[in-house]
């Protein structure tokens, strides 16, 4: 688990794992039959094929797709190969199938021991993810997932950060669409701005030149919808909110905070009612924006990644969604607020 960087910018880098024998797979996608899992598998295979075509001397990538139901995994793989116009046994990449069940610890162990990297797409992660993390640490296998569940990851940091470091295993959550585009967008924008200023304005304090960053999310509406896994995560979040009172009576566990203390103040401002919840007109975009419903996930993750993407503890991040190109549209009214409030309550 990458720890929040201190103000000095120092981090401990782990460069090798122990007791790693040659394994049959470079990367395994677990949960490939779901909507997100299929996309991860497709792009992993596609990337491997493109890499092979651009460099014939590069070793053939060994990819494994895994899931509970072998026949469904086979059907998913066949549909991916067909979509990529590849034969059932492609020569540019090695693709194999491995049955694995979240409720079968021995199958999880077999899966994680067979690969160098495990990409977990089986959610909700607060319900199923811990078992996979445990298996990866025990197998010295690097782990990544597509979760958007910040409270769960804070629990995993508390429980497994030290164990993962001891095993020299990287734990990389939030590696999906929820957060990666936002991180890359901010990183590239801040980098470009600093490069321009470095040439045009000598002597400028580049570390403090950025004061605020606004992200605007636009949905084309054609393929929108709520995946089954995401819907289950939302429902699990509602159930957890009712369990908090019972947990308060038990002995509290001292958690490792998700964000560095230096970022807590600015993050609270970014998610405050005044800044976050109220609709606003964007002069830069020339359109009306409302809060992005993924903001409670994106903003903490962006501030955790702050030192790596050029955002210090003074930069205010706004994560918005496009509503209307007309400032006077009925969609820009404050009737949108109760919807956002309901989302935040989850």
Protein backbone atom coordinates (compact mmCIF):
# COMPACT_ATOMS: atom_id res chain seq x y z
CA UNK A 1 0.00 0.00 0.00
CA UNK A 2 1.62 3.30 -1.04
CA UNK A 3 1.77 5.42 2.12
CA UNK A 4 0.91 9.11 2.13
CA UNK A 5 4.11 10.98 1.41
CA UNK A 6 5.46 13.17 4.19
CA UNK A 7 5.99 16.89 3.69
CA UNK A 8 9.66 16.20 3.04
CA UNK A 9 8.68 14.06 0.06
CA UNK A 10 10.60 11.02 1.27
CA UNK A 11 9.23 7.52 0.64
CA UNK A 12 10.53 4.01 1.14
CA UNK A 13 10.84 2.11 -2.13
CA UNK A 14 10.67 -1.66 -2.23
CA UNK A 15 12.47 -3.10 -5.24
CA UNK A 16 12.29 -6.88 -4.85
CA UNK A 17 10.16 -9.65 -3.44
CA UNK A 18 11.41 -12.70 -1.64
CA UNK A 19 10.94 -16.40 -2.43
CA UNK A 20 9.60 -15.86 -5.94
CA UNK A 21 9.98 -18.81 -8.27
CA UNK A 22 9.18 -18.72 -11.96
CA UNK A 23 5.41 -18.56 -12.29
CA UNK A 24 3.30 -19.56 -15.29
CA UNK A 25 1.43 -16.25 -15.53
CA UNK A 26 2.58 -12.63 -15.69
CA UNK A 27 -0.83 -11.21 -14.82
CA UNK A 28 -4.16 -12.75 -13.83
CA UNK A 29 -7.53 -11.01 -14.11
CA UNK A 30 -9.85 -12.39 -11.43
CA UNK A 31 -13.56 -11.86 -12.03
CA UNK A 32 -13.25 -11.52 -15.80
CA UNK A 33 -16.90 -12.36 -16.51
CA UNK A 34 -18.23 -9.14 -14.99
CA UNK A 35 -18.60 -5.87 -16.87
CA UNK A 36 -15.40 -4.28 -15.54
CA UNK A 37 -13.48 -7.55 -15.42
CA UNK A 38 -14.12 -8.24 -19.09
CA UNK A 39 -12.88 -4.75 -20.01
CA UNK A 40 -9.71 -5.25 -17.98
CA UNK A 41 -9.09 -8.63 -19.62
CA UNK A 42 -9.76 -7.27 -23.11
CA UNK A 43 -7.38 -4.34 -22.77
CA UNK A 44 -4.71 -6.47 -21.09
CA UNK A 45 -4.76 -8.93 -23.98
CA UNK A 46 -4.90 -6.10 -26.53
CA UNK A 47 -1.92 -4.34 -24.94
CA UNK A 48 0.08 -7.58 -24.94
CA UNK A 49 -0.65 -8.11 -28.64
CA UNK A 50 0.35 -4.54 -29.51
CA UNK A 51 3.56 -4.85 -27.48
CA UNK A 52 4.45 -8.07 -29.29
CA UNK A 53 3.83 -6.50 -32.70
CA UNK A 54 6.05 -3.51 -31.91
CA UNK A 55 8.93 -5.55 -30.49
CA UNK A 56 9.45 -9.08 -31.80
CA UNK A 57 12.24 -9.71 -29.28
CA UNK A 58 9.98 -9.03 -26.32
CA UNK A 59 8.97 -12.19 -24.40
CA UNK A 60 5.43 -13.36 -25.03
CA UNK A 61 3.11 -12.05 -22.28
CA UNK A 62 1.39 -14.77 -20.25
CA UNK A 63 -2.11 -13.75 -19.27
CA UNK A 64 -4.61 -15.73 -17.21
CA UNK A 65 -8.34 -15.08 -16.91
CA UNK A 66 -9.96 -16.47 -13.79
CA UNK A 67 -13.43 -16.81 -12.36
CA UNK A 68 -15.79 -19.05 -10.45
CA UNK A 69 -17.56 -20.61 -13.43
CA UNK A 70 -15.17 -22.15 -15.97
CA UNK A 71 -17.73 -22.24 -18.80
CA UNK A 72 -18.53 -18.53 -18.33
CA UNK A 73 -14.81 -17.68 -18.24
CA UNK A 74 -14.29 -19.62 -21.48
CA UNK A 75 -17.24 -17.85 -23.11
CA UNK A 76 -15.89 -14.46 -21.99
CA UNK A 77 -12.42 -15.22 -23.33
CA UNK A 78 -13.81 -16.43 -26.67
CA UNK A 79 -15.87 -13.25 -27.04
CA UNK A 80 -12.78 -11.12 -26.26
CA UNK A 81 -10.63 -12.95 -28.82
CA UNK A 82 -13.40 -12.58 -31.39
CA UNK A 83 -13.73 -8.85 -30.67
CA UNK A 84 -9.97 -8.42 -31.07
CA UNK A 85 -10.05 -10.52 -34.25
CA UNK A 86 -7.63 -13.05 -32.75
CA UNK A 87 -7.62 -16.84 -33.22
CA UNK A 88 -8.59 -19.12 -30.34
CA UNK A 89 -4.90 -19.85 -29.77
CA UNK A 90 -3.07 -16.59 -30.59
CA UNK A 91 0.66 -16.75 -31.23
CA UNK A 92 1.46 -13.23 -30.02
CA UNK A 93 0.18 -13.75 -26.48
CA UNK A 94 -0.37 -16.68 -24.16
CA UNK A 95 -3.85 -16.74 -22.60
CA UNK A 96 -5.01 -19.43 -20.19
CA UNK A 97 -8.02 -20.09 -17.97
CA UNK A 98 -8.06 -20.87 -14.26
CA UNK A 99 -11.16 -21.56 -12.14
CA UNK A 100 -11.08 -19.73 -8.80
CA UNK A 101 -13.81 -19.17 -6.23
CA UNK A 102 -13.86 -16.37 -3.66
CA UNK A 103 -15.35 -18.83 -1.16
CA UNK A 104 -12.63 -21.45 -1.73
CA UNK A 105 -9.35 -20.43 0.00
CA UNK A 106 -7.37 -23.23 -1.68
CA UNK A 107 -8.39 -22.02 -5.15
CA UNK A 108 -7.44 -18.44 -4.23
CA UNK A 109 -4.05 -19.68 -3.04
CA UNK A 110 -3.50 -21.67 -6.24
CA UNK A 111 -4.45 -18.64 -8.34
CA UNK A 112 -2.23 -16.12 -6.54
CA UNK A 113 0.76 -18.47 -6.42
CA UNK A 114 0.55 -18.96 -10.19
CA UNK A 115 0.93 -15.29 -11.14
CA UNK A 116 3.17 -12.27 -10.54
CA UNK A 117 0.31 -9.74 -10.61
CA UNK A 118 -3.30 -10.30 -9.59
CA UNK A 119 -5.89 -7.80 -10.85
CA UNK A 120 -9.03 -8.22 -8.76
CA UNK A 121 -12.38 -7.31 -10.31
CA UNK A 122 -14.60 -9.19 -7.84
CA UNK A 123 -16.74 -6.81 -5.82
CA UNK A 124 -18.20 -5.47 -3.67
CA UNK A 125 -14.69 -5.32 -2.25
CA UNK A 126 -15.75 -4.70 1.34
CA UNK A 127 -17.54 -8.04 1.06
CA UNK A 128 -15.00 -10.11 -0.89
CA UNK A 129 -11.74 -8.20 -1.33
CA UNK A 130 -9.94 -8.95 1.93
CA UNK A 131 -9.66 -12.66 1.15
CA UNK A 132 -7.85 -11.87 -2.10
CA UNK A 133 -5.48 -9.41 -0.42
CA UNK A 134 -4.62 -12.01 2.21
CA UNK A 135 -3.91 -14.63 -0.45
CA UNK A 136 -1.71 -12.21 -2.43
CA UNK A 137 0.40 -11.30 0.60
CA UNK A 138 0.80 -14.96 1.56
CA UNK A 139 1.83 -15.75 -2.04
CA UNK A 140 4.08 -12.67 -2.49
CA UNK A 141 1.90 -11.57 -5.41
CA UNK A 142 1.37 -7.94 -6.37
CA UNK A 143 -2.26 -6.84 -6.11
CA UNK A 144 -4.42 -4.28 -7.93
CA UNK A 145 -8.18 -3.69 -8.02
CA UNK A 146 -10.93 -1.38 -9.26
CA UNK A 147 -12.51 -0.56 -5.91
CA UNK A 148 -14.00 2.81 -5.06
CA UNK A 149 -14.59 1.97 -1.39
CA UNK A 150 -12.45 4.42 0.62
CA UNK A 151 -13.51 3.24 4.12
CA UNK A 152 -12.70 -0.36 3.20
CA UNK A 153 -9.26 0.58 1.89
CA UNK A 154 -8.58 2.51 5.10
CA UNK A 155 -9.33 -0.74 6.97
CA UNK A 156 -7.02 -2.68 4.63
CA UNK A 157 -4.21 -0.15 5.17
CA UNK A 158 -4.56 -0.60 8.91
CA UNK A 159 -4.61 -4.40 8.70
CA UNK A 160 -2.19 -5.18 5.89
CA UNK A 161 0.15 -2.26 5.14
CA UNK A 162 2.92 -3.57 7.40
CA UNK A 163 2.43 -7.17 6.24
CA UNK A 164 2.56 -6.14 2.56
CA UNK A 165 5.77 -4.20 3.11
CA UNK A 166 7.30 -7.14 4.95
CA UNK A 167 6.42 -9.41 2.01
CA UNK A 168 7.58 -6.77 -0.52
CA UNK A 169 4.13 -6.84 -2.12
CA UNK A 170 2.56 -3.80 -3.78
CA UNK A 171 -1.13 -3.24 -3.04
CA UNK A 172 -2.67 -0.93 -5.64
CA UNK A 173 -6.38 -0.23 -5.13
CA UNK A 174 -8.40 2.40 -7.03
CA UNK A 175 -6.77 1.32 -10.30
CA UNK A 176 -9.99 1.64 -12.31
CA UNK A 177 -12.03 4.30 -14.08
CA UNK A 178 -13.18 5.98 -10.88
CA UNK A 179 -9.80 7.48 -10.08
CA UNK A 180 -7.09 6.89 -12.69
CA UNK A 181 -8.39 9.40 -15.32
CA UNK A 182 -8.68 12.07 -12.63
CA UNK A 183 -5.15 11.43 -11.36
CA UNK A 184 -3.67 11.40 -14.86
CA UNK A 185 -5.64 14.50 -15.87
CA UNK A 186 -4.41 16.53 -12.91
CA UNK A 187 -0.84 15.25 -13.23
CA UNK A 188 -0.61 16.15 -16.94
CA UNK A 189 -2.32 19.54 -16.52
CA UNK A 190 -0.10 20.58 -13.60
CA UNK A 191 3.02 19.31 -15.39
CA UNK A 192 2.15 21.26 -18.56
CA UNK A 193 1.46 24.44 -16.60
CA UNK A 194 4.75 24.20 -14.72
CA UNK A 195 6.66 23.58 -17.97
CA UNK A 196 5.17 26.71 -19.55
CA UNK A 197 5.86 28.86 -16.50
CA UNK A 198 9.39 27.50 -16.16
CA UNK A 199 10.14 28.87 -19.64
CA UNK A 200 8.15 32.12 -19.51
CA UNK A 201 8.55 33.23 -15.91
CA UNK A 202 11.96 32.51 -14.47
CA UNK A 203 12.18 32.34 -10.70
CA UNK A 204 8.52 31.42 -10.13
CA UNK A 205 7.87 29.07 -7.21
CA UNK A 206 6.50 26.22 -9.30
CA UNK A 207 5.53 24.12 -6.29
CA UNK A 208 2.98 26.72 -5.22
CA UNK A 209 1.80 28.06 -8.58
CA UNK A 210 -1.36 25.91 -8.72
CA UNK A 211 -4.13 27.21 -6.44
CA UNK A 212 -7.14 25.16 -7.54
CA UNK A 213 -8.02 22.40 -10.00
CA UNK A 214 -11.47 21.72 -11.47
CA UNK A 215 -12.42 18.41 -13.09
CA UNK A 216 -15.61 18.25 -15.18
CA UNK A 217 -17.08 14.84 -15.95
CA UNK A 218 -19.29 14.46 -19.03
CA UNK A 219 -21.39 11.37 -19.80
CA UNK A 220 -22.32 10.73 -23.42
CA UNK A 221 -25.49 9.02 -22.22
CA UNK A 222 -25.27 6.29 -24.85
CA UNK A 223 -23.83 3.52 -22.69
CA UNK A 224 -24.49 4.84 -19.23
CA UNK A 225 -25.88 2.77 -16.42
CA UNK A 226 -25.10 1.34 -13.00
CA UNK A 227 -23.18 -1.96 -13.14
CA UNK A 228 -24.40 -4.75 -10.88
CA UNK A 229 -21.24 -4.65 -8.74
CA UNK A 230 -21.55 -0.90 -8.20
CA UNK A 231 -25.20 -1.24 -7.22
CA UNK A 232 -24.29 -3.93 -4.68
CA UNK A 233 -21.54 -1.68 -3.29
CA UNK A 234 -24.03 1.16 -2.79
CA UNK A 235 -26.44 -1.15 -1.00
CA UNK A 236 -23.63 -2.51 1.17
CA UNK A 237 -22.73 1.09 2.05
CA UNK A 238 -26.28 1.74 3.22
CA UNK A 239 -26.19 -1.38 5.40
CA UNK A 240 -22.84 -0.34 6.88
CA UNK A 241 -24.27 3.02 7.93
CA UNK A 242 -26.78 1.19 10.13
CA UNK A 243 -24.03 -0.95 11.66
CA UNK A 244 -21.90 1.99 12.79
CA UNK A 245 -23.85 2.51 16.04
CA UNK A 246 -23.26 -1.11 17.06
CA UNK A 247 -19.53 -0.85 16.23
CA UNK A 248 -19.22 2.31 18.33
CA UNK A 249 -19.93 0.28 21.47
CA UNK A 250 -17.04 -2.11 20.82
CA UNK A 251 -13.35 -1.46 21.48
CA UNK A 252 -12.17 0.94 18.76
CA UNK A 253 -9.20 0.03 16.58
CA UNK A 254 -6.69 2.78 15.93
CA UNK A 255 -6.73 3.15 12.16
CA UNK A 256 -3.96 4.38 9.91
CA UNK A 257 -5.53 7.46 8.27
CA UNK A 258 -6.17 7.29 4.54
CA UNK A 259 -4.85 10.83 4.01
CA UNK A 260 -1.86 12.60 5.52
CA UNK A 261 -2.86 15.05 8.27
CA UNK A 262 -1.54 17.96 6.20
CA UNK A 263 -4.23 17.30 3.57
CA UNK A 264 -7.18 16.92 5.96
CA UNK A 265 -8.05 20.63 6.09
CA UNK A 266 -8.08 21.22 2.34
CA UNK A 267 -9.98 17.96 1.74
CA UNK A 268 -12.67 19.04 4.21
CA UNK A 269 -12.99 22.31 2.29
CA UNK A 270 -13.21 20.48 -1.03
CA UNK A 271 -16.09 18.34 0.27
CA UNK A 272 -17.81 21.10 2.24
CA UNK A 273 -21.43 22.03 1.51
CA UNK A 274 -20.47 25.48 0.26
CA UNK A 275 -17.82 24.32 -2.17
CA UNK A 276 -18.93 20.82 -3.10
CA UNK A 277 -22.69 20.45 -2.86
CA UNK A 278 -24.00 23.66 -4.41
CA UNK A 279 -24.39 23.91 -8.21
CA UNK A 280 -22.15 26.42 -9.96
CA UNK A 281 -21.52 27.99 -13.36
CA UNK A 282 -18.09 27.27 -14.87
CA UNK A 283 -16.70 30.23 -16.79
CA UNK A 284 -13.84 28.09 -18.12
CA UNK A 285 -16.20 25.40 -19.45
CA UNK A 286 -18.99 27.87 -20.25
CA UNK A 287 -21.51 25.42 -18.84
CA UNK A 288 -23.37 24.57 -15.67
CA UNK A 289 -21.90 21.93 -13.36
CA UNK A 290 -23.12 19.97 -10.35
CA UNK A 291 -21.19 17.73 -7.97
CA UNK A 292 -19.88 14.53 -9.50
CA UNK A 293 -21.46 11.68 -7.52
CA UNK A 294 -18.02 10.01 -7.43
CA UNK A 295 -16.45 13.01 -5.66
CA UNK A 296 -16.48 11.44 -2.18
CA UNK A 297 -14.20 8.77 -3.69
CA UNK A 298 -12.14 10.80 -6.15
CA UNK A 299 -11.22 13.69 -3.87
CA UNK A 300 -9.72 11.66 -0.98
CA UNK A 301 -7.81 9.51 -3.51
CA UNK A 302 -6.50 12.58 -5.35
CA UNK A 303 -5.28 14.16 -2.13
CA UNK A 304 -3.64 10.89 -1.08
CA UNK A 305 -1.82 10.91 -4.42
CA UNK A 306 -1.18 14.65 -4.11
CA UNK A 307 2.62 14.60 -3.74
CA UNK A 308 2.93 12.33 -6.80
CA UNK A 309 0.63 14.34 -9.11
CA UNK A 310 1.82 17.84 -8.20
CA UNK A 311 -0.96 18.80 -5.77
CA UNK A 312 0.14 20.18 -2.42
CA UNK A 313 -1.98 20.67 0.70
CA UNK A 314 -3.08 24.17 -0.42
CA UNK A 315 -4.64 23.20 -3.77
CA UNK A 316 -8.45 23.08 -3.79
CA UNK A 317 -9.84 20.31 -6.02
CA UNK A 318 -13.34 20.51 -7.53
CA UNK A 319 -14.81 17.33 -9.02
CA UNK A 320 -17.89 18.26 -11.06
CA UNK A 321 -20.35 16.81 -13.56
CA UNK A 322 -21.70 18.57 -16.62
CA UNK A 323 -25.41 19.35 -16.30
CA UNK A 324 -26.31 21.82 -19.01
CA UNK A 325 -24.66 24.22 -21.45
CA UNK A 326 -27.28 26.83 -20.57
CA UNK A 327 -26.83 28.89 -17.43
CA UNK A 328 -30.60 29.29 -17.20
CA UNK A 329 -31.58 25.66 -17.77
CA UNK A 330 -34.11 24.17 -15.38
CA UNK A 331 -31.51 21.50 -14.69
CA UNK A 332 -29.36 24.15 -13.01
CA UNK A 333 -31.84 24.69 -10.19
CA UNK A 334 -31.23 23.77 -6.60
CA UNK A 335 -33.59 20.84 -6.88
CA UNK A 336 -30.50 18.81 -7.76
CA UNK A 337 -29.16 19.24 -4.22
CA UNK A 338 -31.38 16.66 -2.49
CA UNK A 339 -30.23 14.01 -4.99
CA UNK A 340 -26.59 14.74 -4.18
CA UNK A 341 -27.35 14.77 -0.47
CA UNK A 342 -28.90 11.32 -0.76
CA UNK A 343 -25.83 10.06 -2.60
CA UNK A 344 -23.51 11.50 0.05
CA UNK A 345 -25.50 9.83 2.81
CA UNK A 346 -24.43 6.45 1.42
